[in-house]
Amino acid sequence: MAKDNIAPGKDLMSNQIVRYLERRGVEHIFGLCGHTNIAVLSSLANSKIRFINVRHEQIAAHAADGYARVTGKASVLLSHLSPGLTNAATGVANAALDCIPMVVIAGDIPSYYYGKHPHQEVNLHADASQYEIYRPFVKRAWRVDTPELLPEILEKAFLLAESGQPGPVLVNVPMDIFSAEIDVALWDRLNGNTKALAKPSIDDETAREIVARLAAATSPLLYVGGGVALARAYGELRDFVDHMQIPVAHSLMGKGVLPDDHPLVLGMTGFWGMKFTNAQTLAADWILGLGTRFKEADCSSWYPEYTFNIGEDGSKLIHIDIEPQEIGRNYPTEIGVVADLKAALKVLNRVAREMLPEGRKVPGLAERIAAERTAFAETNAEMQRSDAFPMMPERILADLRAAMPRDAILTSDVGWNKNGVAQQFDIYEPGTILIPGGFATMGFGPPAAIGAKIAAPERVVISLVGDGGFGQNPAMLATAAAENAPVVWIIMNNNAYGTIAGLQKANYGLTHGTTFPRAAEPEEQTPDYAMIARAYGCDGVRVTSAAGFRPALEAAIASGRPTVIDVAMINNPTPTSGHWNILDIYSPDGNAGHVSTD
């Protein structure tokens, strides 16, 4: 922005915000314009920071979420007031429940109009309270009341978003403050401040107690969650597992923190987990939980007979997490430790090698796990080879795994593409699977893939999504085309909100409101998502046979073009071996679950 008539030693606030973000190493900002934030956009025009323009704020929030998961740093989301902020709320809440760091900078009405109810203000019950909309899910919501406070608030915002249990924060700025003159010295004094806090670790005495308990256990087990990914503790986890020879089960969000082809990986627990995995967690005498909340679906609604039986008469729990509120929330804990997982595992590895120089030996353990995993894979082998069309979901996953590079990034959405992937799809490189866990937001995967691709342009990025999920935010294709972000979206199209349709069919005998009108032939089904993709300037392919899917996928990956592949799918349910309390609510006297609606 121009600096005409600005006093010496001062600058426009919007210019200084942009300079501050540049000094923090911010390279991209996601968002959508509005009259309250165009001062910031104008300052960005002369910056090396790239503004990722979108057609809906939820797209910006999900893209910023995916970006932060790949970079491991707080992403930045720029929003307009009221409808812009509420449009973004779902995506920001999704990031919050998965502990993804994000700084949301939102414009607001002019501060001198508080109480007058100007254009677009949220004001039915309180004045100057727009920022409170985000209060239930962000780590902190600031309302900037004077220009002089903004520099230190923005500094605090980044530190809080990235520290402890990460998550989004909101900085709510009246538009007149964006355009105010500010003393540059207020920003300069932040230059010497640390931009990252040292993370808490574990003391040697506690580490020795943990290693001793695990070494003396008859059937110990590691249960790992998304906290391992947030801490980027992949190598440390692997070293500990290899030395202690303890089998590893994981939550949904812990998928891929240890490669699925590691010999000691059991698989996912809970409702959509593997029967063998749930049996091992039930049989464990000591469980070391690492970065996990022990959430409902992962724990079969905490019913002690299905997945975990932790307590006085069952397994004993050691729980390490960065957030103290997670320890003991759902299960009694023998040893609770508040620590960063990367730092804690470094100490545990050192202590384990001191106490057990030769490691812990468990003859035959890896062979037993391999046999069980092979047996489970064989239950899906026929469907993975099926030439049926619409395609079997297992065939889609098998062909995708065969065509996808080992280090490619995969985003899932919700439904078959989330539950089936977590249960049946091997992830080989830690950090390459992005899943919406806590909020389970339909529509997360497609825009999150754009954010992932912008963060890692050298990597193949694939979005696996249902037709229900893809239909939430198809306008993200405009951003992909504009940014030349060659994501491949695979739409597992069962012409329904398939998981919910299967649940309703099993428990009520119908699919009212959960399926869409069906055409006589798959190629006549509307909407034609391939055609929609082409209208936005992307490539689009509608698959017409099972044999045609993999060649279309391989061609899309090779093309370097954003491509939508629409493939008709049979709506078979993902197999379940655990339990979910909702089944007791819907059919308290029966054994209904999910069934096919095809």
Foldseek 3Di string as FASTA:
>chain_A
DDAPPPDPQKGFLLLLVLVLCVLVVAAEEEEEDDPLCVLNVVNCVPPNRYYQYFDWLCLRLLLQQLLQLQVLFAHEYEFEFAVRVVRNQLSQQLQQQLLGFYEYEYEDAALVCFPVDDPRHPPPPHTPCRQCVNVVGFPEEDEDNDLLCVLVVVLVQRAQQNDQRHGYYYYYYYSVSSGDMDRCVSNVVCPPPDSYDDWFADDLVVLLVVLVVLLPWPAEEEEEALLCSSLVQLVLVVLLCVQAVHAYEYALRRAQSHFPPDLRYQAAAAFLADQRQQVSQQQGQEYEYEADLCDCRSCQNVDCVFHHPADDPGHAYEYEGLDVCSAPVRHDHPHYYRTRRNRHSVSSSVSQCVVPVRGRDDPPNSVVSVVVVVVVLVVCVVLLPDFDPLHAVNVVLNLCLVQFDLQAAEEEADFCRSSVCRHPHTRGHHSRYHYSPPSSDQQSFPSSQQSNCVSPVPHAYEYEHEPRSCVPRVSVLLSCQVVLRLYEYEYAYQQWLQQVQQFCCQQPVGRPPTGHDDDPAPVPDPDQVQVVSVVSVFGEAEDRTSVRPSVVVNCSSVPSTHYYYYRYYFRAHSDTRGHHCVCCVRCVPDDTGGGTPD
